[in-house]
PDB file of all heavy atoms in Angstrom:
ATOM      1  N   ARG A   1     -83.691 193.945 219.190  1.00  0.00           N
ATOM      2  CA  ARG A   1     -82.851 195.112 219.676  1.00  0.00           C
ATOM      3  C   ARG A   1     -82.424 194.846 221.133  1.00  0.00           C
ATOM      4  O   ARG A   1     -81.299 195.206 221.495  1.00  0.00           O
ATOM      5  CB  ARG A   1     -83.658 196.387 219.724  1.00  0.00           C
ATOM      6  CG  ARG A   1     -84.130 196.846 218.315  1.00  0.00           C
ATOM      7  CD  ARG A   1     -84.721 198.272 218.319  1.00  0.00           C
ATOM      8  NE  ARG A   1     -85.853 198.345 219.171  1.00  0.00           N
ATOM      9  CZ  ARG A   1     -86.000 199.144 220.195  1.00  0.00           C
ATOM     10  NH1 ARG A   1     -85.034 199.876 220.514  1.00  0.00           N
ATOM     11  NH2 ARG A   1     -87.076 199.184 220.890  1.00  0.00           N
ATOM     12  N   PHE A   2     -83.257 194.183 221.946  1.00  0.00           N
ATOM     13  CA  PHE A   2     -82.905 193.894 223.319  1.00  0.00           C
ATOM     14  C   PHE A   2     -82.684 192.469 223.565  1.00  0.00           C
ATOM     15  O   PHE A   2     -83.240 191.615 222.905  1.00  0.00           O
ATOM     16  CB  PHE A   2     -84.021 194.275 224.301  1.00  0.00           C
ATOM     17  CG  PHE A   2     -84.268 195.905 224.305  1.00  0.00           C
ATOM     18  CD1 PHE A   2     -83.676 196.780 223.543  1.00  0.00           C
ATOM     19  CD2 PHE A   2     -85.181 196.272 225.286  1.00  0.00           C
ATOM     20  CE1 PHE A   2     -83.958 198.064 223.606  1.00  0.00           C
ATOM     21  CE2 PHE A   2     -85.459 197.615 225.424  1.00  0.00           C
ATOM     22  CZ  PHE A   2     -84.860 198.548 224.577  1.00  0.00           C
ATOM     23  N   THR A   3     -81.729 192.161 224.491  1.00  0.00           N
ATOM     24  CA  THR A   3     -81.445 190.759 224.766  1.00  0.00           C
ATOM     25  C   THR A   3     -81.354 190.607 226.361  1.00  0.00           C
ATOM     26  O   THR A   3     -80.643 191.372 226.962  1.00  0.00           O
ATOM     27  CB  THR A   3     -80.137 190.231 224.213  1.00  0.00           C
ATOM     28  OG1 THR A   3     -80.188 190.477 222.783  1.00  0.00           O
ATOM     29  CG2 THR A   3     -79.842 188.848 224.555  1.00  0.00           C
ATOM     30  N   ILE A   4     -82.086 189.683 226.833  1.00  0.00           N
ATOM     31  CA  ILE A   4     -82.115 189.401 228.239  1.00  0.00           C
ATOM     32  C   ILE A   4     -81.174 188.177 228.516  1.00  0.00           C
ATOM     33  O   ILE A   4     -81.243 187.231 227.696  1.00  0.00           O
ATOM     34  CB  ILE A   4     -83.520 189.249 228.824  1.00  0.00           C
ATOM     35  CG1 ILE A   4     -83.430 189.251 230.357  1.00  0.00           C
ATOM     36  CG2 ILE A   4     -84.198 188.049 228.324  1.00  0.00           C
ATOM     37  CD1 ILE A   4     -84.841 189.427 231.083  1.00  0.00           C
ATOM     38  N   SER A   5     -80.490 188.220 229.475  1.00  0.00           N
ATOM     39  CA  SER A   5     -79.596 187.101 229.910  1.00  0.00           C
ATOM     40  C   SER A   5     -79.514 187.003 231.419  1.00  0.00           C
ATOM     41  O   SER A   5     -79.995 187.942 232.148  1.00  0.00           O
ATOM     42  CB  SER A   5     -78.155 187.162 229.322  1.00  0.00           C
ATOM     43  OG  SER A   5     -77.581 188.366 229.720  1.00  0.00           O
ATOM     44  N   ARG A   6     -78.942 185.968 231.963  1.00  0.00           N
ATOM     45  CA  ARG A   6     -78.831 185.754 233.340  1.00  0.00           C
ATOM     46  C   ARG A   6     -77.517 185.088 233.766  1.00  0.00           C
ATOM     47  O   ARG A   6     -76.939 184.409 232.945  1.00  0.00           O
ATOM     48  CB  ARG A   6     -80.006 184.904 233.803  1.00  0.00           C
ATOM     49  CG  ARG A   6     -79.984 183.446 233.365  1.00  0.00           C
ATOM     50  CD  ARG A   6     -81.112 182.654 233.774  1.00  0.00           C
ATOM     51  NE  ARG A   6     -80.963 181.319 233.296  1.00  0.00           N
ATOM     52  CZ  ARG A   6     -81.921 180.349 233.481  1.00  0.00           C
ATOM     53  NH1 ARG A   6     -83.049 180.627 234.115  1.00  0.00           N
ATOM     54  NH2 ARG A   6     -81.618 179.105 233.075  1.00  0.00           N
ATOM     55  N   ASP A   7     -77.163 185.321 234.938  1.00  0.00           N
ATOM     56  CA  ASP A   7     -76.054 184.633 235.532  1.00  0.00           C
ATOM     57  C   ASP A   7     -76.634 184.132 236.915  1.00  0.00           C
ATOM     58  O   ASP A   7     -76.737 184.719 237.900  1.00  0.00           O
ATOM     59  CB  ASP A   7     -74.870 185.506 235.918  1.00  0.00           C
ATOM     60  CG  ASP A   7     -73.661 184.824 236.387  1.00  0.00           C
ATOM     61  OD1 ASP A   7     -73.896 183.650 236.986  1.00  0.00           O
ATOM     62  OD2 ASP A   7     -72.547 185.404 236.414  1.00  0.00           O
ATOM     63  N   ASN A   8     -77.048 182.860 236.864  1.00  0.00           N
ATOM     64  CA  ASN A   8     -77.638 182.188 237.985  1.00  0.00           C
ATOM     65  C   ASN A   8     -76.718 182.102 239.270  1.00  0.00           C
ATOM     66  O   ASN A   8     -77.255 182.087 240.385  1.00  0.00           O
ATOM     67  CB  ASN A   8     -78.103 180.785 237.588  1.00  0.00           C
ATOM     68  CG  ASN A   8     -79.341 180.771 236.610  1.00  0.00           C
ATOM     69  OD1 ASN A   8     -80.035 181.826 236.569  1.00  0.00           O
ATOM     70  ND2 ASN A   8     -79.533 179.688 235.940  1.00  0.00           N
ATOM     71  N   THR A   9     -75.540 181.926 238.961  1.00  0.00           N
ATOM     72  CA  THR A   9     -74.572 181.955 240.201  1.00  0.00           C
ATOM     73  C   THR A   9     -74.543 183.165 240.958  1.00  0.00           C
ATOM     74  O   THR A   9     -74.164 183.205 242.101  1.00  0.00           O
ATOM     75  CB  THR A   9     -73.169 181.615 239.730  1.00  0.00           C
ATOM     76  OG1 THR A   9     -72.670 182.683 238.876  1.00  0.00           O
ATOM     77  CG2 THR A   9     -73.114 180.300 238.912  1.00  0.00           C
ATOM     78  N   LYS A  10     -74.868 184.249 240.320  1.00  0.00           N
ATOM     79  CA  LYS A  10     -74.969 185.587 240.942  1.00  0.00           C
ATOM     80  C   LYS A  10     -76.358 186.097 241.094  1.00  0.00           C
ATOM     81  O   LYS A  10     -76.523 187.253 241.591  1.00  0.00           O
ATOM     82  CB  LYS A  10     -74.144 186.669 240.086  1.00  0.00           C
ATOM     83  CG  LYS A  10     -72.684 186.272 239.920  1.00  0.00           C
ATOM     84  CD  LYS A  10     -71.970 187.298 239.081  1.00  0.00           C
ATOM     85  CE  LYS A  10     -70.586 186.945 238.781  1.00  0.00           C
ATOM     86  NZ  LYS A  10     -69.748 186.725 240.013  1.00  0.00           N
ATOM     87  N   ASN A  11     -77.356 185.317 240.841  1.00  0.00           N
ATOM     88  CA  ASN A  11     -78.843 185.803 240.935  1.00  0.00           C
ATOM     89  C   ASN A  11     -78.935 187.135 240.194  1.00  0.00           C
ATOM     90  O   ASN A  11     -79.607 187.987 240.739  1.00  0.00           O
ATOM     91  CB  ASN A  11     -79.222 185.835 242.326  1.00  0.00           C
ATOM     92  CG  ASN A  11     -79.376 184.450 243.001  1.00  0.00           C
ATOM     93  OD1 ASN A  11     -79.664 183.445 242.315  1.00  0.00           O
ATOM     94  ND2 ASN A  11     -79.126 184.381 244.327  1.00  0.00           N
ATOM     95  N   THR A  12     -78.319 187.204 239.061  1.00  0.00           N
ATOM     96  CA  THR A  12     -78.326 188.543 238.386  1.00  0.00           C
ATOM     97  C   THR A  12     -78.989 188.376 236.925  1.00  0.00           C
ATOM     98  O   THR A  12     -78.762 187.349 236.276  1.00  0.00           O
ATOM     99  CB  THR A  12     -77.002 189.077 238.185  1.00  0.00           C
ATOM    100  OG1 THR A  12     -76.339 189.270 239.575  1.00  0.00           O
ATOM    101  CG2 THR A  12     -76.952 190.321 237.411  1.00  0.00           C
ATOM    102  N   VAL A  13     -79.714 189.313 236.516  1.00  0.00           N
ATOM    103  CA  VAL A  13     -80.251 189.313 235.193  1.00  0.00           C
ATOM    104  C   VAL A  13     -79.809 190.655 234.533  1.00  0.00           C
ATOM    105  O   VAL A  13     -79.653 191.646 235.172  1.00  0.00           O
ATOM    106  CB  VAL A  13     -81.826 189.279 235.272  1.00  0.00           C
ATOM    107  CG1 VAL A  13     -82.424 190.480 235.903  1.00  0.00           C
ATOM    108  CG2 VAL A  13     -82.408 189.161 233.798  1.00  0.00           C
ATOM    109  N   TYR A  14     -79.511 190.511 233.178  1.00  0.00           N
ATOM    110  CA  TYR A  14     -79.108 191.688 232.456  1.00  0.00           C
ATOM    111  C   TYR A  14     -80.058 191.958 231.292  1.00  0.00           C
ATOM    112  O   TYR A  14     -80.648 191.050 230.776  1.00  0.00           O
ATOM    113  CB  TYR A  14     -77.620 191.349 231.890  1.00  0.00           C
ATOM    114  CG  TYR A  14     -76.656 190.926 232.837  1.00  0.00           C
ATOM    115  CD1 TYR A  14     -76.426 189.561 233.049  1.00  0.00           C
ATOM    116  CD2 TYR A  14     -75.944 191.925 233.556  1.00  0.00           C
ATOM    117  CE1 TYR A  14     -75.497 189.176 234.048  1.00  0.00           C
ATOM    118  CE2 TYR A  14     -74.994 191.503 234.528  1.00  0.00           C
ATOM    119  CZ  TYR A  14     -74.786 190.149 234.778  1.00  0.00           C
ATOM    120  OH  TYR A  14     -73.785 189.815 235.635  1.00  0.00           O
ATOM    121  N   LEU A  15     -80.066 193.188 230.908  1.00  0.00           N
ATOM    122  CA  LEU A  15     -80.855 193.549 229.707  1.00  0.00           C
ATOM    123  C   LEU A  15     -79.984 194.401 228.889  1.00  0.00           C
ATOM    124  O   LEU A  15     -79.617 195.565 229.143  1.00  0.00           O
ATOM    125  CB  LEU A  15     -82.086 194.384 230.104  1.00  0.00           C
ATOM    126  CG  LEU A  15     -82.990 194.663 228.901  1.00  0.00           C
ATOM    127  CD1 LEU A  15     -83.669 193.410 228.300  1.00  0.00           C
ATOM    128  CD2 LEU A  15     -84.151 195.656 229.325  1.00  0.00           C
ATOM    129  N   GLN A  16     -79.514 193.831 227.792  1.00  0.00           N
ATOM    130  CA  GLN A  16     -78.680 194.556 226.774  1.00  0.00           C
ATOM    131  C   GLN A  16     -79.545 195.233 225.773  1.00  0.00           C
ATOM    132  O   GLN A  16     -80.399 194.544 225.147  1.00  0.00           O
ATOM    133  CB  GLN A  16     -77.687 193.592 226.032  1.00  0.00           C
ATOM    134  CG  GLN A  16     -76.868 194.309 224.980  1.00  0.00           C
ATOM    135  CD  GLN A  16     -75.808 195.219 225.613  1.00  0.00           C
ATOM    136  OE1 GLN A  16     -75.195 194.911 226.609  1.00  0.00           O
ATOM    137  NE2 GLN A  16     -75.798 196.439 225.039  1.00  0.00           N
ATOM    138  N   MET A  17     -79.511 196.494 225.751  1.00  0.00           N
ATOM    139  CA  MET A  17     -80.488 197.386 224.887  1.00  0.00           C
ATOM    140  C   MET A  17     -79.609 198.014 223.902  1.00  0.00           C
ATOM    141  O   MET A  17     -78.764 198.923 224.184  1.00  0.00           O
ATOM    142  CB  MET A  17     -81.105 198.344 225.828  1.00  0.00           C
ATOM    143  CG  MET A  17     -81.938 197.853 226.989  1.00  0.00           C
ATOM    144  SD  MET A  17     -82.920 199.040 227.877  1.00  0.00           S
ATOM    145  CE  MET A  17     -81.665 200.043 228.508  1.00  0.00           C
ATOM    146  N   ASN A  18     -79.857 197.661 222.616  1.00  0.00           N
ATOM    147  CA  ASN A  18     -79.137 198.139 221.485  1.00  0.00           C
ATOM    148  C   ASN A  18     -80.203 198.930 220.584  1.00  0.00           C
ATOM    149  O   ASN A  18     -81.424 198.744 220.662  1.00  0.00           O
ATOM    150  CB  ASN A  18     -78.469 197.046 220.639  1.00  0.00           C
ATOM    151  CG  ASN A  18     -77.433 196.329 221.438  1.00  0.00           C
ATOM    152  OD1 ASN A  18     -76.748 196.824 222.285  1.00  0.00           O
ATOM    153  ND2 ASN A  18     -77.285 195.102 221.104  1.00  0.00           N
ATOM    154  N   SER A  19     -79.624 199.793 219.758  1.00  0.00           N
ATOM    155  CA  SER A  19     -80.467 200.479 218.687  1.00  0.00           C
ATOM    156  C   SER A  19     -81.637 201.221 219.484  1.00  0.00           C
ATOM    157  O   SER A  19     -82.730 201.165 219.027  1.00  0.00           O
ATOM    158  CB  SER A  19     -81.026 199.548 217.687  1.00  0.00           C
ATOM    159  OG  SER A  19     -79.929 198.961 216.961  1.00  0.00           O
ATOM    160  N   LEU A  20     -81.211 201.899 220.552  1.00  0.00           N
ATOM    161  CA  LEU A  20     -82.187 202.538 221.424  1.00  0.00           C
ATOM    162  C   LEU A  20     -82.978 203.686 220.636  1.00  0.00           C
ATOM    163  O   LEU A  20     -82.423 204.349 219.788  1.00  0.00           O
ATOM    164  CB  LEU A  20     -81.601 203.033 222.628  1.00  0.00           C
ATOM    165  CG  LEU A  20     -81.371 201.981 223.714  1.00  0.00           C
ATOM    166  CD1 LEU A  20     -80.369 202.516 224.690  1.00  0.00           C
ATOM    167  CD2 LEU A  20     -82.651 201.568 224.394  1.00  0.00           C
ATOM    168  N   LYS A  21     -84.200 203.765 220.940  1.00  0.00           N
ATOM    169  CA  LYS A  21     -85.134 204.770 220.278  1.00  0.00           C
ATOM    170  C   LYS A  21     -85.639 205.671 221.344  1.00  0.00           C
ATOM    171  O   LYS A  21     -85.751 205.289 222.537  1.00  0.00           O
ATOM    172  CB  LYS A  21     -86.211 204.085 219.554  1.00  0.00           C
ATOM    173  CG  LYS A  21     -85.855 203.044 218.526  1.00  0.00           C
ATOM    174  CD  LYS A  21     -87.105 202.346 217.985  1.00  0.00           C
ATOM    175  CE  LYS A  21     -86.690 201.325 216.858  1.00  0.00           C
ATOM    176  NZ  LYS A  21     -87.852 200.648 216.329  1.00  0.00           N
ATOM    177  N   PRO A  22     -86.057 206.859 220.991  1.00  0.00           N
ATOM    178  CA  PRO A  22     -86.727 207.767 222.007  1.00  0.00           C
ATOM    179  C   PRO A  22     -87.996 207.091 222.667  1.00  0.00           C
ATOM    180  O   PRO A  22     -88.154 207.385 223.862  1.00  0.00           O
ATOM    181  CB  PRO A  22     -87.111 208.971 221.149  1.00  0.00           C
ATOM    182  CG  PRO A  22     -86.108 208.990 220.036  1.00  0.00           C
ATOM    183  CD  PRO A  22     -85.832 207.578 219.714  1.00  0.00           C
ATOM    184  N   GLU A  23     -88.670 206.237 221.947  1.00  0.00           N
ATOM    185  CA  GLU A  23     -89.809 205.575 222.537  1.00  0.00           C
ATOM    186  C   GLU A  23     -89.432 204.626 223.616  1.00  0.00           C
ATOM    187  O   GLU A  23     -90.304 204.210 224.328  1.00  0.00           O
ATOM    188  CB  GLU A  23     -90.536 204.802 221.334  1.00  0.00           C
ATOM    189  CG  GLU A  23     -90.918 205.568 220.190  1.00  0.00           C
ATOM    190  CD  GLU A  23     -89.886 205.627 219.057  1.00  0.00           C
ATOM    191  OE1 GLU A  23     -88.991 206.421 219.150  1.00  0.00           O
ATOM    192  OE2 GLU A  23     -90.005 204.720 218.284  1.00  0.00           O
ATOM    193  N   ASP A  24     -88.196 204.319 223.747  1.00  0.00           N
ATOM    194  CA  ASP A  24     -87.721 203.384 224.855  1.00  0.00           C
ATOM    195  C   ASP A  24     -87.594 204.172 226.161  1.00  0.00           C
ATOM    196  O   ASP A  24     -87.245 203.622 227.165  1.00  0.00           O
ATOM    197  CB  ASP A  24     -86.341 202.770 224.485  1.00  0.00           C
ATOM    198  CG  ASP A  24     -86.503 201.915 223.292  1.00  0.00           C
ATOM    199  OD1 ASP A  24     -87.541 201.058 223.226  1.00  0.00           O
ATOM    200  OD2 ASP A  24     -85.557 201.888 222.483  1.00  0.00           O
ATOM    201  N   THR A  25     -87.687 205.493 226.108  1.00  0.00           N
ATOM    202  CA  THR A  25     -87.537 206.251 227.295  1.00  0.00           C
ATOM    203  C   THR A  25     -88.556 205.885 228.406  1.00  0.00           C
ATOM    204  O   THR A  25     -89.771 205.972 228.084  1.00  0.00           O
ATOM    205  CB  THR A  25     -87.637 207.793 226.953  1.00  0.00           C
ATOM    206  OG1 THR A  25     -86.547 208.200 226.118  1.00  0.00           O
ATOM    207  CG2 THR A  25     -87.621 208.628 228.190  1.00  0.00           C
ATOM    208  N   ALA A  26     -88.101 205.562 229.519  1.00  0.00           N
ATOM    209  CA  ALA A  26     -89.005 205.067 230.569  1.00  0.00           C
ATOM    210  C   ALA A  26     -88.208 204.855 231.866  1.00  0.00           C
ATOM    211  O   ALA A  26     -87.003 204.782 231.734  1.00  0.00           O
ATOM    212  CB  ALA A  26     -89.797 203.891 230.111  1.00  0.00           C
ATOM    213  N   VAL A  27     -88.878 204.632 232.942  1.00  0.00           N
ATOM    214  CA  VAL A  27     -88.340 204.074 234.071  1.00  0.00           C
ATOM    215  C   VAL A  27     -88.376 202.543 233.960  1.00  0.00           C
ATOM    216  O   VAL A  27     -89.434 202.004 233.755  1.00  0.00           O
ATOM    217  CB  VAL A  27     -88.985 204.517 235.411  1.00  0.00           C
ATOM    218  CG1 VAL A  27     -88.364 203.848 236.613  1.00  0.00           C
ATOM    219  CG2 VAL A  27     -88.883 205.995 235.551  1.00  0.00           C
ATOM    220  N   TYR A  28     -87.229 201.832 234.151  1.00  0.00           N
ATOM    221  CA  TYR A  28     -87.165 200.457 233.884  1.00  0.00           C
ATOM    222  C   TYR A  28     -87.126 199.801 235.280  1.00  0.00           C
ATOM    223  O   TYR A  28     -86.287 200.213 236.101  1.00  0.00           O
ATOM    224  CB  TYR A  28     -85.991 200.038 233.089  1.00  0.00           C
ATOM    225  CG  TYR A  28     -86.065 200.326 231.603  1.00  0.00           C
ATOM    226  CD1 TYR A  28     -86.272 201.603 231.115  1.00  0.00           C
ATOM    227  CD2 TYR A  28     -86.285 199.176 230.683  1.00  0.00           C
ATOM    228  CE1 TYR A  28     -86.377 201.818 229.786  1.00  0.00           C
ATOM    229  CE2 TYR A  28     -86.547 199.435 229.368  1.00  0.00           C
ATOM    230  CZ  TYR A  28     -86.638 200.730 228.931  1.00  0.00           C
ATOM    231  OH  TYR A  28     -86.774 200.955 227.600  1.00  0.00           O
ATOM    232  N   TYR A  29     -87.898 198.858 235.461  1.00  0.00           N
ATOM    233  CA  TYR A  29     -88.064 198.161 236.833  1.00  0.00           C
ATOM    234  C   TYR A  29     -87.717 196.626 236.726  1.00  0.00           C
ATOM    235  O   TYR A  29     -88.228 195.910 235.911  1.00  0.00           O
ATOM    236  CB  TYR A  29     -89.448 198.163 237.374  1.00  0.00           C
ATOM    237  CG  TYR A  29     -89.985 199.636 237.670  1.00  0.00           C
ATOM    238  CD1 TYR A  29     -90.588 200.399 236.653  1.00  0.00           C
ATOM    239  CD2 TYR A  29     -89.762 200.166 238.952  1.00  0.00           C
ATOM    240  CE1 TYR A  29     -91.079 201.635 236.962  1.00  0.00           C
ATOM    241  CE2 TYR A  29     -90.201 201.427 239.206  1.00  0.00           C
ATOM    242  CZ  TYR A  29     -90.915 202.163 238.204  1.00  0.00           C
ATOM    243  OH  TYR A  29     -91.316 203.430 238.438  1.00  0.00           O
ATOM    244  N   CYS A  30     -86.812 196.273 237.436  1.00  0.00           N
ATOM    245  CA  CYS A  30     -86.497 194.822 237.565  1.00  0.00           C
ATOM    246  C   CYS A  30     -87.629 194.092 238.457  1.00  0.00           C
ATOM    247  O   CYS A  30     -88.200 194.743 239.336  1.00  0.00           O
ATOM    248  CB  CYS A  30     -85.098 194.723 238.343  1.00  0.00           C
ATOM    249  SG  CYS A  30     -84.697 192.830 238.449  1.00  0.00           S
ATOM    250  N   HIS A  31     -87.885 192.977 237.906  1.00  0.00           N
ATOM    251  CA  HIS A  31     -88.994 192.179 238.543  1.00  0.00           C
ATOM    252  C   HIS A  31     -88.536 190.737 238.624  1.00  0.00           C
ATOM    253  O   HIS A  31     -87.951 190.232 237.709  1.00  0.00           O
ATOM    254  CB  HIS A  31     -90.306 192.396 237.685  1.00  0.00           C
ATOM    255  CG  HIS A  31     -91.461 191.586 238.286  1.00  0.00           C
ATOM    256  ND1 HIS A  31     -91.790 190.263 237.878  1.00  0.00           N
ATOM    257  CD2 HIS A  31     -92.357 191.895 239.293  1.00  0.00           C
ATOM    258  CE1 HIS A  31     -92.845 189.913 238.511  1.00  0.00           C
ATOM    259  NE2 HIS A  31     -93.239 190.886 239.392  1.00  0.00           N
ATOM    260  N   ALA A  32     -88.948 190.084 239.760  1.00  0.00           N
ATOM    261  CA  ALA A  32     -88.683 188.718 239.960  1.00  0.00           C
ATOM    262  C   ALA A  32     -89.664 187.990 240.783  1.00  0.00           C
ATOM    263  O   ALA A  32     -90.238 188.622 241.617  1.00  0.00           O
ATOM    264  CB  ALA A  32     -87.249 188.566 240.646  1.00  0.00           C
ATOM    265  N   TYR A  33     -89.723 186.751 240.494  1.00  0.00           N
ATOM    266  CA  TYR A  33     -90.571 185.769 241.332  1.00  0.00           C
ATOM    267  C   TYR A  33     -89.622 184.923 242.105  1.00  0.00           C
ATOM    268  O   TYR A  33     -88.879 184.158 241.558  1.00  0.00           O
ATOM    269  CB  TYR A  33     -91.552 184.965 240.491  1.00  0.00           C
ATOM    270  CG  TYR A  33     -92.710 185.719 240.064  1.00  0.00           C
ATOM    271  CD1 TYR A  33     -92.853 186.230 238.785  1.00  0.00           C
ATOM    272  CD2 TYR A  33     -93.835 185.891 240.888  1.00  0.00           C
ATOM    273  CE1 TYR A  33     -93.985 186.921 238.320  1.00  0.00           C
ATOM    274  CE2 TYR A  33     -94.953 186.583 240.509  1.00  0.00           C
ATOM    275  CZ  TYR A  33     -95.009 187.104 239.212  1.00  0.00           C
ATOM    276  OH  TYR A  33     -96.094 187.704 238.809  1.00  0.00           O
ATOM    277  N   ILE A  34     -89.648 185.139 243.392  1.00  0.00           N
ATOM    278  CA  ILE A  34     -88.683 184.530 244.299  1.00  0.00           C
ATOM    279  C   ILE A  34     -89.353 183.764 245.462  1.00  0.00           C
ATOM    280  O   ILE A  34     -90.193 184.294 246.023  1.00  0.00           O
ATOM    281  CB  ILE A  34     -87.641 185.511 244.836  1.00  0.00           C
ATOM    282  CG1 ILE A  34     -86.925 186.244 243.684  1.00  0.00           C
ATOM    283  CG2 ILE A  34     -86.701 184.981 245.796  1.00  0.00           C
ATOM    284  CD1 ILE A  34     -86.110 187.397 244.178  1.00  0.00           C
ATOM    285  N   MET A  35     -88.855 182.548 245.662  1.00  0.00           N
ATOM    286  CA  MET A  35     -89.266 181.835 246.860  1.00  0.00           C
ATOM    287  C   MET A  35     -88.233 182.088 247.980  1.00  0.00           C
ATOM    288  O   MET A  35     -86.989 181.712 247.721  1.00  0.00           O
ATOM    289  CB  MET A  35     -89.398 180.273 246.556  1.00  0.00           C
ATOM    290  CG  MET A  35     -89.947 179.538 247.700  1.00  0.00           C
ATOM    291  SD  MET A  35     -90.156 177.736 247.326  1.00  0.00           S
ATOM    292  CE  MET A  35     -91.411 177.811 246.133  1.00  0.00           C
ATOM    293  N   ARG A  36     -88.560 182.516 249.101  1.00  0.00           N
ATOM    294  CA  ARG A  36     -87.628 182.790 250.166  1.00  0.00           C
ATOM    295  C   ARG A  36     -87.384 181.473 250.880  1.00  0.00           C
ATOM    296  O   ARG A  36     -88.171 180.515 250.848  1.00  0.00           O
ATOM    297  CB  ARG A  36     -88.268 183.720 251.155  1.00  0.00           C
ATOM    298  CG  ARG A  36     -88.445 185.140 250.672  1.00  0.00           C
ATOM    299  CD  ARG A  36     -89.213 185.972 251.617  1.00  0.00           C
ATOM    300  NE  ARG A  36     -88.479 186.006 252.926  1.00  0.00           N
ATOM    301  CZ  ARG A  36     -89.007 186.519 254.022  1.00  0.00           C
ATOM    302  NH1 ARG A  36     -90.332 187.010 254.035  1.00  0.00           N
ATOM    303  NH2 ARG A  36     -88.304 186.599 255.164  1.00  0.00           N
TER     304      ARG A  36
END
């Protein structure tokens, strides 16, 4: 149902969420491991 993808040139990640269910209700947090 969900697909994660990225655009490395923009340091951006996407989460395409399809066929959503009530059980998907939540606060969604982006998370990353980054070296400064």
